[in-house]
Amino acid sequence: MRLNAILVSLMLAVCAAPLAVPFTAATARAADADQAKSVIDGMAQRAISVLKQGQGDKATRDAQFRDIFRESFDIPRIGQFVLGIYWRRASEEQRVEYLKLFESFIVKTYAERLSQYSGEKLQVDGARANGEKTLVDSAVLRSQGQPIRIVWELEKDGAGKPKVTDVIIERVSMSQTQRSDFNSYISQNGGSIDALLTKLRSMTGGK
């Protein structure tokens, strides 16, 4: 009887084991989704808070936006992707300067777009897993016109924190678009990465 009881216990353990794995994976995916949603919600609330302070000092606002983007966006990963094949061709010195200028470029670009904010609301609808990435679905609700659909793509950084790696507006990837623009500019200038660096310096004030 004791042997039968042991066999029954082993069989139950074997049968139960496969159920434990999907449950754990599902729980992890749910936690990742909640964390990703929190990143987008927090970023939106902080950005709106800065905008509601009024015009104020531009340098102060830019510094606040820079902090928000640094915390929410994986700027080094985005920057490397955007530079594409030229990242491998760039020297270490060029890479360092490029990432610094790219961060300023991102801050300036999004700060200018956010400055056009006129009371629209960002509605976060939900999050879903896509391989190693998490996609957060949202919409900008406007007083007039249809909502603007935005999908935020997030991946975990080296510290395990989810950060934005792409923003897809109405099915158009901002990272892909920027990559096409940068690569085209370098190509038109004889493959010169320095030409792009010069352009970014002029656009960001060399910061």
C-alpha atoms as a PDB file:
ATOM      1  CA  MET A   1       0.000   0.000   0.000  1.00  0.00           C
ATOM      2  CA  ARG A   2       2.805   2.344   0.901  1.00  0.00           C
ATOM      3  CA  LEU A   3       4.488   1.720  -2.458  1.00  0.00           C
ATOM      4  CA  ASN A   4       1.219   2.392  -4.280  1.00  0.00           C
ATOM      5  CA  ALA A   5       0.771   5.603  -2.337  1.00  0.00           C
ATOM      6  CA  ILE A   6       4.265   6.750  -3.318  1.00  0.00           C
ATOM      7  CA  LEU A   7       3.618   5.923  -6.990  1.00  0.00           C
ATOM      8  CA  VAL A   8       0.322   7.805  -6.905  1.00  0.00           C
ATOM      9  CA  SER A   9       2.077  10.837  -5.372  1.00  0.00           C
ATOM     10  CA  LEU A  10       4.772  10.768  -8.073  1.00  0.00           C
ATOM     11  CA  MET A  11       2.168  10.516 -10.829  1.00  0.00           C
ATOM     12  CA  LEU A  12       0.258  13.474  -9.407  1.00  0.00           C
ATOM     13  CA  ALA A  13       3.472  15.503  -9.197  1.00  0.00           C
ATOM     14  CA  VAL A  14       4.371  14.720 -12.828  1.00  0.00           C
ATOM     15  CA  CYS A  15       0.875  15.565 -14.029  1.00  0.00           C
ATOM     16  CA  ALA A  16       0.786  18.794 -12.048  1.00  0.00           C
ATOM     17  CA  ALA A  17       4.235  20.005 -13.148  1.00  0.00           C
ATOM     18  CA  PRO A  18       3.249  21.082 -16.694  1.00  0.00           C
ATOM     19  CA  LEU A  19       0.446  23.193 -15.221  1.00  0.00           C
ATOM     20  CA  ALA A  20       2.839  25.087 -12.991  1.00  0.00           C
ATOM     21  CA  VAL A  21       5.028  26.371 -15.852  1.00  0.00           C
ATOM     22  CA  PRO A  22       2.322  28.141 -17.912  1.00  0.00           C
ATOM     23  CA  PHE A  23       0.892  29.650 -14.725  1.00  0.00           C
ATOM     24  CA  THR A  24       4.261  31.078 -13.740  1.00  0.00           C
ATOM     25  CA  ALA A  25       4.897  32.398 -17.261  1.00  0.00           C
ATOM     26  CA  ALA A  26       1.435  33.954 -17.411  1.00  0.00           C
ATOM     27  CA  THR A  27       1.975  35.593 -14.044  1.00  0.00           C
ATOM     28  CA  ALA A  28       5.328  36.994 -15.197  1.00  0.00           C
ATOM     29  CA  ARG A  29       3.791  38.354 -18.409  1.00  0.00           C
ATOM     30  CA  ALA A  30       1.002  40.003 -16.422  1.00  0.00           C
ATOM     31  CA  ALA A  31       3.555  41.603 -14.105  1.00  0.00           C
ATOM     32  CA  ASP A  32       5.585  42.866 -17.091  1.00  0.00           C
ATOM     33  CA  ALA A  33       2.429  44.305 -18.654  1.00  0.00           C
ATOM     34  CA  ASP A  34       1.461  46.122 -15.453  1.00  0.00           C
ATOM     35  CA  GLN A  35       4.974  47.477 -15.082  1.00  0.00           C
ATOM     36  CA  ALA A  36       5.060  48.689 -18.686  1.00  0.00           C
ATOM     37  CA  LYS A  37       1.684  50.406 -18.306  1.00  0.00           C
ATOM     38  CA  SER A  38       2.956  52.127 -15.170  1.00  0.00           C
ATOM     39  CA  VAL A  39       5.954  53.476 -17.087  1.00  0.00           C
ATOM     40  CA  ILE A  40       3.723  55.025 -19.757  1.00  0.00           C
ATOM     41  CA  ASP A  41       1.180  56.347 -17.257  1.00  0.00           C
ATOM     42  CA  GLY A  42       3.911  57.863 -15.110  1.00  0.00           C
ATOM     43  CA  MET A  43       5.704  59.423 -18.064  1.00  0.00           C
ATOM     44  CA  ALA A  44       2.475  60.964 -19.395  1.00  0.00           C
ATOM     45  CA  GLN A  45       1.485  62.398 -16.017  1.00  0.00           C
ATOM     46  CA  ARG A  46       4.922  63.919 -15.443  1.00  0.00           C
ATOM     47  CA  ALA A  47       5.019  65.431 -18.947  1.00  0.00           C
ATOM     48  CA  ILE A  48       1.539  66.931 -18.547  1.00  0.00           C
ATOM     49  CA  SER A  49       2.531  68.313 -15.149  1.00  0.00           C
ATOM     50  CA  VAL A  50       5.509  70.108 -16.717  1.00  0.00           C
ATOM     51  CA  LEU A  51       3.308  71.525 -19.475  1.00  0.00           C
ATOM     52  CA  LYS A  52       0.673  72.757 -17.024  1.00  0.00           C
ATOM     53  CA  GLN A  53       3.297  74.893 -15.299  1.00  0.00           C
ATOM     54  CA  GLY A  54       2.919  77.290 -18.191  1.00  0.00           C
ATOM     55  CA  GLN A  55       5.565  78.825 -20.382  1.00  0.00           C
ATOM     56  CA  GLY A  56       8.045  79.603 -17.610  1.00  0.00           C
ATOM     57  CA  ASP A  57      11.727  79.146 -18.217  1.00  0.00           C
ATOM     58  CA  LYS A  58      12.433  77.101 -21.362  1.00  0.00           C
ATOM     59  CA  ALA A  59      15.774  75.818 -20.069  1.00  0.00           C
ATOM     60  CA  THR A  60      14.095  74.504 -16.916  1.00  0.00           C
ATOM     61  CA  ARG A  61      11.347  72.782 -18.906  1.00  0.00           C
ATOM     62  CA  ASP A  62      13.873  71.227 -21.271  1.00  0.00           C
ATOM     63  CA  ALA A  63      15.856  69.916 -18.301  1.00  0.00           C
ATOM     64  CA  GLN A  64      12.692  68.398 -16.834  1.00  0.00           C
ATOM     65  CA  PHE A  65      11.792  66.770 -20.144  1.00  0.00           C
ATOM     66  CA  ARG A  66      15.336  65.423 -20.434  1.00  0.00           C
ATOM     67  CA  ASP A  67      14.968  63.742 -17.028  1.00  0.00           C
ATOM     68  CA  ILE A  68      11.618  62.237 -18.044  1.00  0.00           C
ATOM     69  CA  PHE A  69      12.964  60.824 -21.307  1.00  0.00           C
ATOM     70  CA  ARG A  70      16.139  59.501 -19.702  1.00  0.00           C
ATOM     71  CA  GLU A  71      14.076  57.571 -17.179  1.00  0.00           C
ATOM     72  CA  SER A  72      11.421  56.325 -19.622  1.00  0.00           C
ATOM     73  CA  PHE A  73      13.276  55.815 -22.939  1.00  0.00           C
ATOM     74  CA  ASP A  74      16.177  53.468 -23.642  1.00  0.00           C
ATOM     75  CA  ILE A  75      17.957  56.197 -25.583  1.00  0.00           C
ATOM     76  CA  PRO A  76      21.241  54.294 -26.162  1.00  0.00           C
ATOM     77  CA  ARG A  77      19.374  51.294 -27.621  1.00  0.00           C
ATOM     78  CA  ILE A  78      17.158  53.493 -29.792  1.00  0.00           C
ATOM     79  CA  GLY A  79      20.143  55.540 -30.937  1.00  0.00           C
ATOM     80  CA  GLN A  80      22.116  52.455 -31.933  1.00  0.00           C
ATOM     81  CA  PHE A  81      19.155  51.050 -33.854  1.00  0.00           C
ATOM     82  CA  VAL A  82      18.542  54.354 -35.624  1.00  0.00           C
ATOM     83  CA  LEU A  83      22.151  54.627 -36.796  1.00  0.00           C
ATOM     84  CA  GLY A  84      21.811  51.145 -38.305  1.00  0.00           C
ATOM     85  CA  ILE A  85      24.761  49.757 -40.262  1.00  0.00           C
ATOM     86  CA  TYR A  86      26.732  52.919 -39.583  1.00  0.00           C
ATOM     87  CA  TRP A  87      26.938  52.099 -35.876  1.00  0.00           C
ATOM     88  CA  ARG A  88      29.399  49.300 -36.664  1.00  0.00           C
ATOM     89  CA  ARG A  89      31.424  51.624 -38.872  1.00  0.00           C
ATOM     90  CA  ALA A  90      31.587  54.453 -36.330  1.00  0.00           C
ATOM     91  CA  SER A  91      34.650  54.940 -34.149  1.00  0.00           C
ATOM     92  CA  GLU A  92      34.277  54.895 -30.372  1.00  0.00           C
ATOM     93  CA  GLU A  93      34.657  58.679 -30.300  1.00  0.00           C
ATOM     94  CA  GLN A  94      31.919  59.087 -32.920  1.00  0.00           C
ATOM     95  CA  ARG A  95      29.611  56.737 -31.014  1.00  0.00           C
ATOM     96  CA  VAL A  96      30.027  58.647 -27.772  1.00  0.00           C
ATOM     97  CA  GLU A  97      29.305  62.010 -29.392  1.00  0.00           C
ATOM     98  CA  TYR A  98      26.468  60.599 -31.474  1.00  0.00           C
ATOM     99  CA  LEU A  99      24.611  59.171 -28.451  1.00  0.00           C
ATOM    100  CA  LYS A 100      25.013  62.470 -26.593  1.00  0.00           C
ATOM    101  CA  LEU A 101      23.667  64.445 -29.554  1.00  0.00           C
ATOM    102  CA  PHE A 102      20.942  61.892 -30.223  1.00  0.00           C
ATOM    103  CA  GLU A 103      19.641  62.265 -26.671  1.00  0.00           C
ATOM    104  CA  SER A 104      19.451  66.042 -27.124  1.00  0.00           C
ATOM    105  CA  PHE A 105      17.766  65.531 -30.490  1.00  0.00           C
ATOM    106  CA  ILE A 106      15.126  63.233 -28.957  1.00  0.00           C
ATOM    107  CA  VAL A 107      14.459  65.621 -26.073  1.00  0.00           C
ATOM    108  CA  LYS A 108      14.159  68.599 -28.422  1.00  0.00           C
ATOM    109  CA  THR A 109      11.891  66.749 -30.867  1.00  0.00           C
ATOM    110  CA  TYR A 110       9.450  65.446 -28.272  1.00  0.00           C
ATOM    111  CA  ALA A 111       9.531  68.606 -26.175  1.00  0.00           C
ATOM    112  CA  GLU A 112       8.466  70.619 -29.227  1.00  0.00           C
ATOM    113  CA  ARG A 113       5.652  68.182 -29.948  1.00  0.00           C
ATOM    114  CA  LEU A 114       4.491  68.206 -26.349  1.00  0.00           C
ATOM    115  CA  SER A 115       4.536  72.009 -26.304  1.00  0.00           C
ATOM    116  CA  GLN A 116       1.588  71.821 -28.705  1.00  0.00           C
ATOM    117  CA  TYR A 117      -0.428  70.068 -25.988  1.00  0.00           C
ATOM    118  CA  SER A 118      -3.815  71.706 -25.580  1.00  0.00           C
ATOM    119  CA  GLY A 119      -5.627  69.521 -23.084  1.00  0.00           C
ATOM    120  CA  GLU A 120      -5.662  66.215 -24.951  1.00  0.00           C
ATOM    121  CA  LYS A 121      -5.796  63.116 -22.797  1.00  0.00           C
ATOM    122  CA  LEU A 122      -3.660  60.011 -23.170  1.00  0.00           C
ATOM    123  CA  GLN A 123      -5.786  56.948 -22.548  1.00  0.00           C
ATOM    124  CA  VAL A 124      -3.847  53.746 -21.826  1.00  0.00           C
ATOM    125  CA  ASP A 125      -5.973  50.813 -22.978  1.00  0.00           C
ATOM    126  CA  GLY A 126      -3.821  47.813 -22.083  1.00  0.00           C
ATOM    127  CA  ALA A 127      -0.562  45.951 -22.598  1.00  0.00           C
ATOM    128  CA  ARG A 128       0.414  42.727 -24.323  1.00  0.00           C
ATOM    129  CA  ALA A 129       3.504  40.592 -24.718  1.00  0.00           C
ATOM    130  CA  ASN A 130       5.312  40.418 -28.057  1.00  0.00           C
ATOM    131  CA  GLY A 131       8.271  38.105 -27.592  1.00  0.00           C
ATOM    132  CA  GLU A 132      10.782  39.850 -25.326  1.00  0.00           C
ATOM    133  CA  LYS A 133       8.926  43.121 -25.792  1.00  0.00           C
ATOM    134  CA  THR A 134       5.787  44.538 -24.215  1.00  0.00           C
ATOM    135  CA  LEU A 135       3.405  46.653 -26.289  1.00  0.00           C
ATOM    136  CA  VAL A 136       1.255  49.228 -24.540  1.00  0.00           C
ATOM    137  CA  ASP A 137      -1.819  50.319 -26.505  1.00  0.00           C
ATOM    138  CA  SER A 138      -3.032  53.867 -26.009  1.00  0.00           C
ATOM    139  CA  ALA A 139      -4.896  56.680 -27.682  1.00  0.00           C
ATOM    140  CA  VAL A 140      -4.721  60.462 -27.600  1.00  0.00           C
ATOM    141  CA  LEU A 141      -8.304  61.625 -27.115  1.00  0.00           C
ATOM    142  CA  ARG A 142      -9.043  64.915 -28.842  1.00  0.00           C
ATOM    143  CA  SER A 143     -11.960  67.287 -28.456  1.00  0.00           C
ATOM    144  CA  GLN A 144     -12.327  67.235 -32.226  1.00  0.00           C
ATOM    145  CA  GLY A 145     -11.435  64.457 -34.628  1.00  0.00           C
ATOM    146  CA  GLN A 146     -10.741  60.781 -34.201  1.00  0.00           C
ATOM    147  CA  PRO A 147      -8.421  59.511 -31.445  1.00  0.00           C
ATOM    148  CA  ILE A 148      -4.779  59.087 -32.433  1.00  0.00           C
ATOM    149  CA  ARG A 149      -3.678  55.504 -31.816  1.00  0.00           C
ATOM    150  CA  ILE A 150      -0.247  55.110 -30.226  1.00  0.00           C
ATOM    151  CA  VAL A 151       1.547  51.872 -29.405  1.00  0.00           C
ATOM    152  CA  TRP A 152       4.521  52.065 -27.051  1.00  0.00           C
ATOM    153  CA  GLU A 153       7.134  49.341 -27.423  1.00  0.00           C
ATOM    154  CA  LEU A 154       9.089  48.575 -24.273  1.00  0.00           C
ATOM    155  CA  GLU A 155      12.003  46.268 -23.526  1.00  0.00           C
ATOM    156  CA  LYS A 156      13.876  45.661 -20.289  1.00  0.00           C
ATOM    157  CA  ASP A 157      17.214  47.401 -19.896  1.00  0.00           C
ATOM    158  CA  GLY A 158      20.287  45.945 -18.208  1.00  0.00           C
ATOM    159  CA  ALA A 159      18.761  46.588 -14.781  1.00  0.00           C
ATOM    160  CA  GLY A 160      15.550  44.768 -15.708  1.00  0.00           C
ATOM    161  CA  LYS A 161      13.473  47.953 -15.943  1.00  0.00           C
ATOM    162  CA  PRO A 162      11.101  48.301 -18.919  1.00  0.00           C
ATOM    163  CA  LYS A 163      11.953  51.278 -21.105  1.00  0.00           C
ATOM    164  CA  VAL A 164      10.490  52.624 -24.330  1.00  0.00           C
ATOM    165  CA  THR A 165      12.367  51.491 -27.444  1.00  0.00           C
ATOM    166  CA  ASP A 166       9.875  52.661 -30.063  1.00  0.00           C
ATOM    167  CA  VAL A 167       6.717  54.759 -30.435  1.00  0.00           C
ATOM    168  CA  ILE A 168       4.318  53.652 -33.160  1.00  0.00           C
ATOM    169  CA  ILE A 169       1.847  56.372 -34.118  1.00  0.00           C
ATOM    170  CA  GLU A 170      -1.003  55.263 -36.343  1.00  0.00           C
ATOM    171  CA  ARG A 171       1.086  52.222 -37.391  1.00  0.00           C
ATOM    172  CA  VAL A 172       4.149  54.329 -38.249  1.00  0.00           C
ATOM    173  CA  SER A 173       7.288  53.471 -36.271  1.00  0.00           C
ATOM    174  CA  MET A 174       9.162  56.558 -35.116  1.00  0.00           C
ATOM    175  CA  SER A 175      12.423  54.582 -34.737  1.00  0.00           C
ATOM    176  CA  GLN A 176      12.125  53.116 -38.233  1.00  0.00           C
ATOM    177  CA  THR A 177      11.307  56.528 -39.687  1.00  0.00           C
ATOM    178  CA  GLN A 178      14.252  58.166 -37.940  1.00  0.00           C
ATOM    179  CA  ARG A 179      16.546  55.326 -39.023  1.00  0.00           C
ATOM    180  CA  SER A 180      15.524  55.850 -42.643  1.00  0.00           C
ATOM    181  CA  ASP A 181      16.125  59.617 -42.367  1.00  0.00           C
ATOM    182  CA  PHE A 182      19.562  59.301 -40.721  1.00  0.00           C
ATOM    183  CA  ASN A 183      20.788  56.556 -43.046  1.00  0.00           C
ATOM    184  CA  SER A 184      19.584  58.482 -46.073  1.00  0.00           C
ATOM    185  CA  TYR A 185      21.367  61.642 -44.882  1.00  0.00           C
ATOM    186  CA  ILE A 186      24.637  59.782 -44.309  1.00  0.00           C
ATOM    187  CA  SER A 187      24.345  58.070 -47.699  1.00  0.00           C
ATOM    188  CA  GLN A 188      23.741  61.394 -49.454  1.00  0.00           C
ATOM    189  CA  ASN A 189      26.898  62.724 -47.809  1.00  0.00           C
ATOM    190  CA  GLY A 190      29.209  60.000 -49.083  1.00  0.00           C
ATOM    191  CA  GLY A 191      28.723  57.702 -46.120  1.00  0.00           C
ATOM    192  CA  SER A 192      30.142  60.277 -43.714  1.00  0.00           C
ATOM    193  CA  ILE A 193      29.044  59.800 -40.105  1.00  0.00           C
ATOM    194  CA  ASP A 194      30.700  63.117 -39.296  1.00  0.00           C
ATOM    195  CA  ALA A 195      28.232  64.803 -41.651  1.00  0.00           C
ATOM    196  CA  LEU A 196      25.359  63.526 -39.496  1.00  0.00           C
ATOM    197  CA  LEU A 197      27.131  64.627 -36.319  1.00  0.00           C
ATOM    198  CA  THR A 198      27.546  68.120 -37.776  1.00  0.00           C
ATOM    199  CA  LYS A 199      23.847  68.197 -38.669  1.00  0.00           C
ATOM    200  CA  LEU A 200      22.837  67.080 -35.161  1.00  0.00           C
ATOM    201  CA  ARG A 201      25.098  69.683 -33.593  1.00  0.00           C
ATOM    202  CA  SER A 202      23.384  72.404 -35.593  1.00  0.00           C
ATOM    203  CA  MET A 203      19.940  71.104 -34.634  1.00  0.00           C
ATOM    204  CA  THR A 204      20.658  70.791 -30.920  1.00  0.00           C
ATOM    205  CA  GLY A 205      23.056  73.646 -30.359  1.00  0.00           C
ATOM    206  CA  GLY A 206      25.889  71.172 -29.990  1.00  0.00           C
ATOM    207  CA  LYS A 207      24.547  69.921 -26.662  1.00  0.00           C
END
